[in-house]
Amino acid sequence: MAIVSLACSPVKVYTEKSDFVEAKQYQTFAILSEVKGKPAFNSPIVEERLQQHLVEGMEQRGFSYNADQPDLIIRYNTDVTPNQRIIYPNPYDMWWPMWGPPTTRTQKYDQGEVIIDFIDPQADRVIMRATAVGTVNNPDEKQKKVKAAVDKILKEFSTKLVNVNS
């Protein structure tokens, strides 16, 4: 499963890897949504793009898509959490009026997550979980951040999982 971030802030990725991963050559994969009937970020378009980015990214790394007999299952989920942050003004701003202290304000934003589990179906075990987190405030930003999240997660998968398709 994986995640998404703020306007100028990058997508951050966090991973967990099983200690019991056997050195194994994975060659094929299939993709599943963890929650049936709930599209990614409540958008069928973002759902389609997320799956497309996963397929393209895995194929670029030498894997073949095989929904019937995969060596590896990629299961994903997404979540959006409304948040807010406090913004403190610069006390030395030249436009700050001298007759009172600067005022703070709050800014609302959505924090998105893309969570991807890499599952070995023969061992029936999650071998790695990656979560990408970032802020998303509009549909266009969601699509861009989903692509960035998938790219970063697949890069982590390629580098952290030993003997994967090498």
N, C-alpha and C. Protein backbone atom coordinates (compact mmCIF):
# COMPACT_ATOMS: atom_id res chain seq x y z
N MET A 1 0.84 -1.15 0.00
CA MET A 1 0.00 0.00 0.00
C MET A 1 0.89 1.23 0.00
N ALA A 2 0.36 2.28 -0.50
CA ALA A 2 1.20 3.44 -0.59
C ALA A 2 0.54 4.79 -0.35
N ILE A 3 1.29 6.14 -0.58
CA ILE A 3 0.81 7.44 -0.11
C ILE A 3 1.19 8.66 -0.98
N VAL A 4 0.63 10.13 -0.65
CA VAL A 4 0.85 11.36 -1.44
C VAL A 4 1.06 12.63 -0.57
N SER A 5 1.70 13.94 -1.01
CA SER A 5 2.16 15.08 -0.16
C SER A 5 1.76 16.51 -0.57
N LEU A 6 2.24 17.66 0.18
CA LEU A 6 1.91 19.10 -0.01
C LEU A 6 2.41 19.69 -1.32
N ALA A 7 1.85 20.85 -1.68
CA ALA A 7 2.13 21.49 -2.96
C ALA A 7 3.59 21.44 -3.36
N CYS A 8 4.46 22.02 -2.58
CA CYS A 8 5.88 22.02 -2.92
C CYS A 8 6.65 20.94 -2.18
N SER A 9 5.99 20.29 -1.26
CA SER A 9 6.71 19.28 -0.49
C SER A 9 6.74 17.96 -1.26
N PRO A 10 7.80 17.21 -1.09
CA PRO A 10 7.94 15.97 -1.84
C PRO A 10 7.11 14.85 -1.23
N VAL A 11 6.96 13.81 -2.01
CA VAL A 11 6.33 12.59 -1.53
C VAL A 11 7.40 11.84 -0.74
N LYS A 12 7.07 11.43 0.47
CA LYS A 12 8.02 10.69 1.30
C LYS A 12 7.58 9.23 1.35
N VAL A 13 8.55 8.33 1.28
CA VAL A 13 8.26 6.90 1.27
C VAL A 13 8.87 6.24 2.49
N TYR A 14 8.08 5.39 3.13
CA TYR A 14 8.53 4.62 4.28
C TYR A 14 8.32 3.15 3.95
N THR A 15 9.31 2.31 4.28
CA THR A 15 9.19 0.89 3.95
C THR A 15 9.41 0.01 5.16
N GLU A 16 8.79 -1.16 5.09
CA GLU A 16 9.00 -2.23 6.06
C GLU A 16 9.26 -3.49 5.25
N LYS A 17 10.31 -4.21 5.59
CA LYS A 17 10.66 -5.42 4.85
C LYS A 17 10.66 -6.59 5.82
N SER A 18 10.13 -7.71 5.38
CA SER A 18 10.11 -8.91 6.21
C SER A 18 11.53 -9.42 6.40
N ASP A 19 11.84 -9.87 7.59
CA ASP A 19 13.16 -10.46 7.86
C ASP A 19 13.27 -11.87 7.29
N PHE A 20 12.16 -12.43 6.90
CA PHE A 20 12.14 -13.82 6.48
C PHE A 20 12.01 -14.00 4.97
N VAL A 21 12.43 -13.00 4.22
CA VAL A 21 12.34 -13.09 2.76
C VAL A 21 13.44 -14.03 2.26
N GLU A 22 13.01 -15.05 1.53
CA GLU A 22 13.98 -15.97 0.94
C GLU A 22 14.51 -15.37 -0.35
N ALA A 23 15.76 -15.68 -0.65
CA ALA A 23 16.31 -15.24 -1.93
C ALA A 23 15.52 -15.96 -3.02
N LYS A 24 14.79 -15.22 -3.81
CA LYS A 24 13.89 -15.82 -4.77
C LYS A 24 13.82 -14.94 -6.01
N GLN A 25 13.66 -15.57 -7.12
CA GLN A 25 13.57 -14.85 -8.38
C GLN A 25 12.09 -14.62 -8.71
N TYR A 26 11.61 -13.40 -8.55
CA TYR A 26 10.24 -13.07 -8.93
C TYR A 26 10.27 -12.61 -10.38
N GLN A 27 9.32 -13.13 -11.18
CA GLN A 27 9.29 -12.76 -12.59
C GLN A 27 7.94 -12.21 -13.03
N THR A 28 6.86 -12.66 -12.38
CA THR A 28 5.53 -12.23 -12.79
C THR A 28 4.82 -11.56 -11.62
N PHE A 29 3.82 -10.77 -11.93
CA PHE A 29 3.08 -10.06 -10.89
C PHE A 29 1.62 -9.88 -11.29
N ALA A 30 0.79 -9.63 -10.30
CA ALA A 30 -0.61 -9.25 -10.48
C ALA A 30 -0.89 -8.10 -9.52
N ILE A 31 -1.92 -7.33 -9.81
CA ILE A 31 -2.25 -6.16 -8.99
C ILE A 31 -3.67 -6.31 -8.45
N LEU A 32 -3.82 -6.03 -7.15
CA LEU A 32 -5.13 -6.09 -6.50
C LEU A 32 -5.35 -4.84 -5.66
N SER A 33 -6.60 -4.38 -5.63
CA SER A 33 -6.96 -3.31 -4.71
C SER A 33 -7.34 -3.96 -3.38
N GLU A 34 -6.88 -3.39 -2.28
CA GLU A 34 -7.20 -3.96 -0.98
C GLU A 34 -8.68 -3.81 -0.65
N VAL A 35 -9.28 -2.72 -1.11
CA VAL A 35 -10.68 -2.46 -0.82
C VAL A 35 -11.47 -2.50 -2.12
N LYS A 36 -12.21 -3.56 -2.33
CA LYS A 36 -13.00 -3.71 -3.55
C LYS A 36 -14.12 -2.68 -3.57
N GLY A 37 -14.35 -2.09 -4.74
CA GLY A 37 -15.44 -1.15 -4.91
C GLY A 37 -15.15 0.27 -4.44
N LYS A 38 -13.96 0.51 -3.87
CA LYS A 38 -13.59 1.87 -3.45
C LYS A 38 -12.38 2.29 -4.28
N PRO A 39 -12.60 3.14 -5.29
CA PRO A 39 -11.47 3.54 -6.12
C PRO A 39 -10.45 4.39 -5.35
N ALA A 40 -9.22 4.39 -5.85
CA ALA A 40 -8.14 5.15 -5.23
C ALA A 40 -8.53 6.62 -5.11
N PHE A 41 -8.39 7.15 -3.91
CA PHE A 41 -8.73 8.55 -3.62
C PHE A 41 -10.14 8.90 -4.08
N ASN A 42 -11.03 7.90 -4.05
CA ASN A 42 -12.43 8.07 -4.45
C ASN A 42 -12.58 8.60 -5.87
N SER A 43 -11.64 8.23 -6.75
CA SER A 43 -11.67 8.68 -8.14
C SER A 43 -11.34 7.51 -9.06
N PRO A 44 -12.29 7.12 -9.93
CA PRO A 44 -11.98 6.04 -10.86
C PRO A 44 -10.82 6.38 -11.80
N ILE A 45 -10.64 7.66 -12.10
CA ILE A 45 -9.54 8.07 -12.98
C ILE A 45 -8.20 7.88 -12.28
N VAL A 46 -8.11 8.31 -11.02
CA VAL A 46 -6.86 8.12 -10.26
C VAL A 46 -6.60 6.63 -10.06
N GLU A 47 -7.65 5.85 -9.84
CA GLU A 47 -7.53 4.39 -9.69
C GLU A 47 -6.89 3.77 -10.95
N GLU A 48 -7.42 4.15 -12.10
CA GLU A 48 -6.90 3.63 -13.37
C GLU A 48 -5.43 4.03 -13.57
N ARG A 49 -5.11 5.28 -13.28
CA ARG A 49 -3.73 5.75 -13.43
C ARG A 49 -2.78 5.05 -12.45
N LEU A 50 -3.23 4.83 -11.23
CA LEU A 50 -2.41 4.14 -10.24
C LEU A 50 -2.06 2.74 -10.73
N GLN A 51 -3.06 2.01 -11.22
CA GLN A 51 -2.81 0.67 -11.74
C GLN A 51 -1.89 0.72 -12.97
N GLN A 52 -2.13 1.69 -13.84
CA GLN A 52 -1.30 1.85 -15.04
C GLN A 52 0.15 2.12 -14.66
N HIS A 53 0.39 3.00 -13.70
CA HIS A 53 1.76 3.31 -13.26
C HIS A 53 2.42 2.08 -12.64
N LEU A 54 1.67 1.30 -11.88
CA LEU A 54 2.22 0.08 -11.28
C LEU A 54 2.63 -0.92 -12.36
N VAL A 55 1.75 -1.15 -13.33
CA VAL A 55 2.06 -2.10 -14.40
C VAL A 55 3.28 -1.63 -15.20
N GLU A 56 3.27 -0.37 -15.62
CA GLU A 56 4.39 0.16 -16.41
C GLU A 56 5.70 0.11 -15.63
N GLY A 57 5.66 0.49 -14.36
CA GLY A 57 6.87 0.49 -13.53
C GLY A 57 7.43 -0.90 -13.33
N MET A 58 6.56 -1.87 -13.09
CA MET A 58 7.04 -3.25 -12.90
C MET A 58 7.58 -3.82 -14.22
N GLU A 59 6.90 -3.54 -15.33
CA GLU A 59 7.38 -4.03 -16.62
C GLU A 59 8.72 -3.40 -17.00
N GLN A 60 8.93 -2.14 -16.64
CA GLN A 60 10.22 -1.49 -16.90
C GLN A 60 11.34 -2.15 -16.09
N ARG A 61 10.99 -2.79 -15.00
CA ARG A 61 11.98 -3.47 -14.15
C ARG A 61 12.12 -4.94 -14.52
N GLY A 62 11.52 -5.35 -15.64
CA GLY A 62 11.71 -6.70 -16.14
C GLY A 62 10.67 -7.72 -15.71
N PHE A 63 9.62 -7.30 -15.04
CA PHE A 63 8.57 -8.21 -14.62
C PHE A 63 7.50 -8.30 -15.70
N SER A 64 6.75 -9.41 -15.72
CA SER A 64 5.65 -9.59 -16.66
C SER A 64 4.34 -9.67 -15.89
N TYR A 65 3.32 -9.02 -16.42
CA TYR A 65 2.01 -9.06 -15.79
C TYR A 65 1.37 -10.42 -16.05
N ASN A 66 0.89 -11.09 -15.00
CA ASN A 66 0.23 -12.38 -15.12
C ASN A 66 -0.81 -12.48 -14.01
N ALA A 67 -2.06 -12.22 -14.35
CA ALA A 67 -3.12 -12.22 -13.35
C ALA A 67 -3.47 -13.62 -12.87
N ASP A 68 -3.15 -14.66 -13.66
CA ASP A 68 -3.54 -16.02 -13.32
C ASP A 68 -2.56 -16.74 -12.40
N GLN A 69 -1.27 -16.63 -12.65
CA GLN A 69 -0.25 -17.35 -11.88
C GLN A 69 0.92 -16.43 -11.52
N PRO A 70 0.68 -15.38 -10.72
CA PRO A 70 1.78 -14.45 -10.41
C PRO A 70 2.74 -15.00 -9.36
N ASP A 71 4.01 -14.64 -9.50
CA ASP A 71 5.01 -14.94 -8.46
C ASP A 71 4.89 -13.92 -7.32
N LEU A 72 4.32 -12.76 -7.64
CA LEU A 72 4.26 -11.65 -6.71
C LEU A 72 2.91 -10.95 -6.87
N ILE A 73 2.26 -10.66 -5.76
CA ILE A 73 1.01 -9.90 -5.80
C ILE A 73 1.29 -8.52 -5.24
N ILE A 74 0.83 -7.51 -5.97
CA ILE A 74 0.97 -6.13 -5.52
C ILE A 74 -0.42 -5.65 -5.11
N ARG A 75 -0.59 -5.45 -3.81
CA ARG A 75 -1.89 -5.02 -3.27
C ARG A 75 -1.74 -3.57 -2.81
N TYR A 76 -2.71 -2.73 -3.20
CA TYR A 76 -2.60 -1.31 -2.85
C TYR A 76 -3.86 -0.81 -2.17
N ASN A 77 -3.68 0.29 -1.46
CA ASN A 77 -4.78 1.00 -0.83
C ASN A 77 -4.39 2.48 -0.78
N THR A 78 -5.38 3.33 -0.70
CA THR A 78 -5.12 4.77 -0.60
C THR A 78 -5.99 5.36 0.51
N ASP A 79 -5.56 6.49 1.01
CA ASP A 79 -6.32 7.16 2.06
C ASP A 79 -6.03 8.66 1.98
N VAL A 80 -7.03 9.45 2.30
CA VAL A 80 -6.86 10.90 2.38
C VAL A 80 -7.36 11.34 3.75
N THR A 81 -6.51 12.08 4.46
CA THR A 81 -6.85 12.57 5.79
C THR A 81 -6.80 14.09 5.80
N PRO A 82 -7.92 14.75 6.17
CA PRO A 82 -7.88 16.21 6.26
C PRO A 82 -7.00 16.63 7.45
N ASN A 83 -6.16 17.62 7.23
CA ASN A 83 -5.26 18.13 8.26
C ASN A 83 -5.25 19.65 8.23
N GLN A 84 -4.62 20.22 9.21
CA GLN A 84 -4.38 21.67 9.20
C GLN A 84 -3.05 21.95 9.88
N ARG A 85 -2.46 23.04 9.49
CA ARG A 85 -1.20 23.46 10.10
C ARG A 85 -1.32 24.93 10.49
N ILE A 86 -0.56 25.28 11.50
CA ILE A 86 -0.53 26.67 11.96
C ILE A 86 0.60 27.38 11.24
N ILE A 87 0.29 28.55 10.71
CA ILE A 87 1.28 29.34 9.99
C ILE A 87 1.58 30.58 10.83
N TYR A 88 2.83 30.71 11.20
CA TYR A 88 3.28 31.85 11.99
C TYR A 88 3.90 32.87 11.06
N PRO A 89 3.51 34.13 11.16
CA PRO A 89 4.09 35.15 10.28
C PRO A 89 5.52 35.50 10.69
N ASN A 90 6.22 36.06 9.75
CA ASN A 90 7.58 36.55 10.01
C ASN A 90 7.47 37.79 10.90
N PRO A 91 8.05 37.78 12.09
CA PRO A 91 7.92 38.95 12.97
C PRO A 91 8.69 40.17 12.45
N TYR A 92 9.52 39.97 11.45
CA TYR A 92 10.30 41.09 10.93
C TYR A 92 9.82 41.53 9.55
N ASP A 93 8.61 41.16 9.22
CA ASP A 93 8.03 41.53 7.93
C ASP A 93 7.86 43.05 7.86
N MET A 94 8.27 43.65 6.75
CA MET A 94 8.20 45.11 6.66
C MET A 94 6.76 45.62 6.60
N TRP A 95 5.79 44.76 6.29
CA TRP A 95 4.40 45.20 6.23
C TRP A 95 3.66 44.94 7.54
N TRP A 96 4.34 44.42 8.53
CA TRP A 96 3.72 44.13 9.82
C TRP A 96 3.44 45.44 10.53
N PRO A 97 2.20 45.66 10.93
CA PRO A 97 1.89 46.92 11.62
C PRO A 97 2.56 46.97 12.99
N MET A 98 3.03 48.12 13.35
CA MET A 98 3.76 48.28 14.60
C MET A 98 2.85 48.30 15.82
N TRP A 99 1.53 48.40 15.64
CA TRP A 99 0.63 48.54 16.78
C TRP A 99 0.07 47.22 17.29
N GLY A 100 0.61 46.13 16.93
CA GLY A 100 0.11 44.87 17.46
C GLY A 100 0.98 43.70 17.03
N PRO A 101 0.85 42.63 17.73
CA PRO A 101 1.65 41.46 17.37
C PRO A 101 1.13 40.82 16.08
N PRO A 102 1.99 40.11 15.39
CA PRO A 102 1.54 39.41 14.19
C PRO A 102 0.55 38.31 14.59
N THR A 103 -0.37 38.02 13.72
CA THR A 103 -1.37 37.00 14.02
C THR A 103 -1.03 35.70 13.28
N THR A 104 -1.37 34.62 13.91
CA THR A 104 -1.17 33.33 13.27
C THR A 104 -2.44 32.96 12.53
N ARG A 105 -2.31 32.04 11.59
CA ARG A 105 -3.48 31.56 10.87
C ARG A 105 -3.32 30.06 10.64
N THR A 106 -4.39 29.42 10.28
CA THR A 106 -4.32 27.99 9.99
C THR A 106 -4.58 27.77 8.51
N GLN A 107 -3.98 26.73 8.00
CA GLN A 107 -4.18 26.35 6.61
C GLN A 107 -4.63 24.90 6.58
N LYS A 108 -5.72 24.64 5.87
CA LYS A 108 -6.22 23.27 5.75
C LYS A 108 -5.63 22.63 4.50
N TYR A 109 -5.34 21.34 4.61
CA TYR A 109 -4.83 20.58 3.49
C TYR A 109 -5.19 19.11 3.67
N ASP A 110 -5.11 18.35 2.61
CA ASP A 110 -5.35 16.91 2.66
C ASP A 110 -4.02 16.18 2.57
N GLN A 111 -3.84 15.22 3.45
CA GLN A 111 -2.64 14.37 3.38
C GLN A 111 -3.06 13.05 2.75
N GLY A 112 -2.39 12.70 1.67
CA GLY A 112 -2.71 11.47 0.97
C GLY A 112 -1.69 10.39 1.24
N GLU A 113 -2.16 9.16 1.22
CA GLU A 113 -1.27 8.01 1.41
C GLU A 113 -1.54 6.98 0.33
N VAL A 114 -0.48 6.41 -0.18
CA VAL A 114 -0.57 5.25 -1.06
C VAL A 114 0.20 4.15 -0.35
N ILE A 115 -0.46 3.05 -0.09
CA ILE A 115 0.16 1.95 0.64
C ILE A 115 0.20 0.75 -0.30
N ILE A 116 1.39 0.19 -0.48
CA ILE A 116 1.53 -0.95 -1.37
C ILE A 116 2.19 -2.10 -0.62
N ASP A 117 1.53 -3.26 -0.68
CA ASP A 117 2.08 -4.49 -0.12
C ASP A 117 2.57 -5.35 -1.27
N PHE A 118 3.78 -5.88 -1.12
CA PHE A 118 4.33 -6.84 -2.07
C PHE A 118 4.21 -8.20 -1.39
N ILE A 119 3.42 -9.09 -1.98
CA ILE A 119 3.06 -10.35 -1.34
C ILE A 119 3.57 -11.53 -2.15
N ASP A 120 4.19 -12.48 -1.47
CA ASP A 120 4.58 -13.75 -2.09
C ASP A 120 3.40 -14.70 -1.90
N PRO A 121 2.65 -15.02 -2.98
CA PRO A 121 1.44 -15.84 -2.82
C PRO A 121 1.74 -17.28 -2.41
N GLN A 122 2.91 -17.82 -2.80
CA GLN A 122 3.23 -19.20 -2.41
C GLN A 122 3.50 -19.29 -0.91
N ALA A 123 4.18 -18.31 -0.36
CA ALA A 123 4.47 -18.30 1.07
C ALA A 123 3.32 -17.67 1.87
N ASP A 124 2.37 -17.04 1.16
CA ASP A 124 1.26 -16.33 1.78
C ASP A 124 1.78 -15.34 2.83
N ARG A 125 2.72 -14.49 2.38
CA ARG A 125 3.39 -13.57 3.30
C ARG A 125 3.67 -12.23 2.60
N VAL A 126 3.46 -11.15 3.34
CA VAL A 126 3.86 -9.83 2.86
C VAL A 126 5.37 -9.75 3.00
N ILE A 127 6.07 -9.53 1.89
CA ILE A 127 7.53 -9.45 1.95
C ILE A 127 8.02 -8.01 2.09
N MET A 128 7.18 -7.06 1.69
CA MET A 128 7.54 -5.66 1.86
C MET A 128 6.28 -4.81 1.81
N ARG A 129 6.25 -3.78 2.65
CA ARG A 129 5.18 -2.78 2.62
C ARG A 129 5.83 -1.42 2.45
N ALA A 130 5.29 -0.66 1.51
CA ALA A 130 5.79 0.70 1.29
C ALA A 130 4.61 1.66 1.38
N THR A 131 4.84 2.76 2.05
CA THR A 131 3.82 3.78 2.21
C THR A 131 4.39 5.10 1.74
N ALA A 132 3.69 5.73 0.82
CA ALA A 132 4.09 7.06 0.34
C ALA A 132 3.11 8.07 0.91
N VAL A 133 3.63 9.18 1.40
CA VAL A 133 2.79 10.19 2.05
C VAL A 133 3.11 11.56 1.45
N GLY A 134 2.07 12.35 1.26
CA GLY A 134 2.26 13.70 0.77
C GLY A 134 0.95 14.46 0.84
N THR A 135 1.02 15.74 0.57
CA THR A 135 -0.20 16.54 0.59
C THR A 135 -0.79 16.62 -0.80
N VAL A 136 -2.10 16.58 -0.86
CA VAL A 136 -2.83 16.68 -2.12
C VAL A 136 -4.01 17.60 -1.91
N ASN A 137 -4.16 18.57 -2.78
CA ASN A 137 -5.23 19.53 -2.59
C ASN A 137 -6.18 19.66 -3.77
N ASN A 138 -5.84 19.03 -4.90
CA ASN A 138 -6.74 19.08 -6.04
C ASN A 138 -6.53 17.83 -6.89
N PRO A 139 -7.46 17.52 -7.80
CA PRO A 139 -7.37 16.29 -8.58
C PRO A 139 -6.10 16.18 -9.43
N ASP A 140 -5.67 17.28 -10.03
CA ASP A 140 -4.46 17.24 -10.84
C ASP A 140 -3.24 16.89 -9.99
N GLU A 141 -3.19 17.48 -8.81
CA GLU A 141 -2.08 17.21 -7.89
C GLU A 141 -2.10 15.75 -7.43
N LYS A 142 -3.30 15.19 -7.22
CA LYS A 142 -3.41 13.78 -6.83
C LYS A 142 -2.76 12.89 -7.87
N GLN A 143 -3.08 13.14 -9.14
CA GLN A 143 -2.54 12.30 -10.21
C GLN A 143 -1.02 12.39 -10.28
N LYS A 144 -0.48 13.60 -10.15
CA LYS A 144 0.97 13.78 -10.20
C LYS A 144 1.64 13.11 -9.01
N LYS A 145 1.05 13.27 -7.84
CA LYS A 145 1.66 12.70 -6.63
C LYS A 145 1.54 11.18 -6.62
N VAL A 146 0.46 10.64 -7.18
CA VAL A 146 0.33 9.18 -7.27
C VAL A 146 1.44 8.62 -8.14
N LYS A 147 1.72 9.27 -9.26
CA LYS A 147 2.81 8.80 -10.12
C LYS A 147 4.14 8.88 -9.38
N ALA A 148 4.40 10.00 -8.71
CA ALA A 148 5.65 10.15 -7.95
C ALA A 148 5.73 9.09 -6.85
N ALA A 149 4.61 8.82 -6.19
CA ALA A 149 4.59 7.82 -5.11
C ALA A 149 4.91 6.44 -5.66
N VAL A 150 4.28 6.06 -6.76
CA VAL A 150 4.52 4.74 -7.35
C VAL A 150 5.97 4.62 -7.80
N ASP A 151 6.50 5.65 -8.45
CA ASP A 151 7.90 5.62 -8.90
C ASP A 151 8.85 5.42 -7.73
N LYS A 152 8.64 6.16 -6.65
CA LYS A 152 9.53 6.04 -5.48
C LYS A 152 9.38 4.69 -4.79
N ILE A 153 8.16 4.20 -4.70
CA ILE A 153 7.93 2.90 -4.06
C ILE A 153 8.58 1.79 -4.86
N LEU A 154 8.42 1.81 -6.17
CA LEU A 154 9.02 0.75 -6.99
C LEU A 154 10.54 0.83 -6.96
N LYS A 155 11.08 2.03 -6.86
CA LYS A 155 12.53 2.16 -6.72
C LYS A 155 12.98 1.54 -5.40
N GLU A 156 12.26 1.81 -4.32
CA GLU A 156 12.57 1.20 -3.02
C GLU A 156 12.46 -0.31 -3.10
N PHE A 157 11.42 -0.79 -3.76
CA PHE A 157 11.23 -2.24 -3.91
C PHE A 157 12.42 -2.86 -4.63
N SER A 158 12.86 -2.20 -5.71
CA SER A 158 13.98 -2.72 -6.49
C SER A 158 15.28 -2.74 -5.70
N THR A 159 15.49 -1.75 -4.85
CA THR A 159 16.76 -1.66 -4.13
C THR A 159 16.76 -2.40 -2.80
N LYS A 160 15.60 -2.51 -2.15
CA LYS A 160 15.57 -3.12 -0.81
C LYS A 160 15.34 -4.62 -0.81
N LEU A 161 14.70 -5.13 -1.84
CA LEU A 161 14.41 -6.55 -1.84
C LEU A 161 15.53 -7.28 -2.56
N VAL A 162 16.22 -8.13 -1.85
CA VAL A 162 17.40 -8.82 -2.36
C VAL A 162 17.01 -9.83 -3.44
N ASN A 163 17.82 -9.89 -4.47
CA ASN A 163 17.66 -10.86 -5.56
C ASN A 163 16.32 -10.76 -6.28
N VAL A 164 15.76 -9.58 -6.35
CA VAL A 164 14.51 -9.43 -7.07
C VAL A 164 14.85 -9.23 -8.53
N ASN A 165 14.50 -10.21 -9.31
CA ASN A 165 14.64 -10.15 -10.77
C ASN A 165 16.03 -9.72 -11.20
N SER A 166 17.07 -10.19 -10.51
CA SER A 166 18.43 -9.79 -10.89
C SER A 166 19.07 -10.79 -11.82
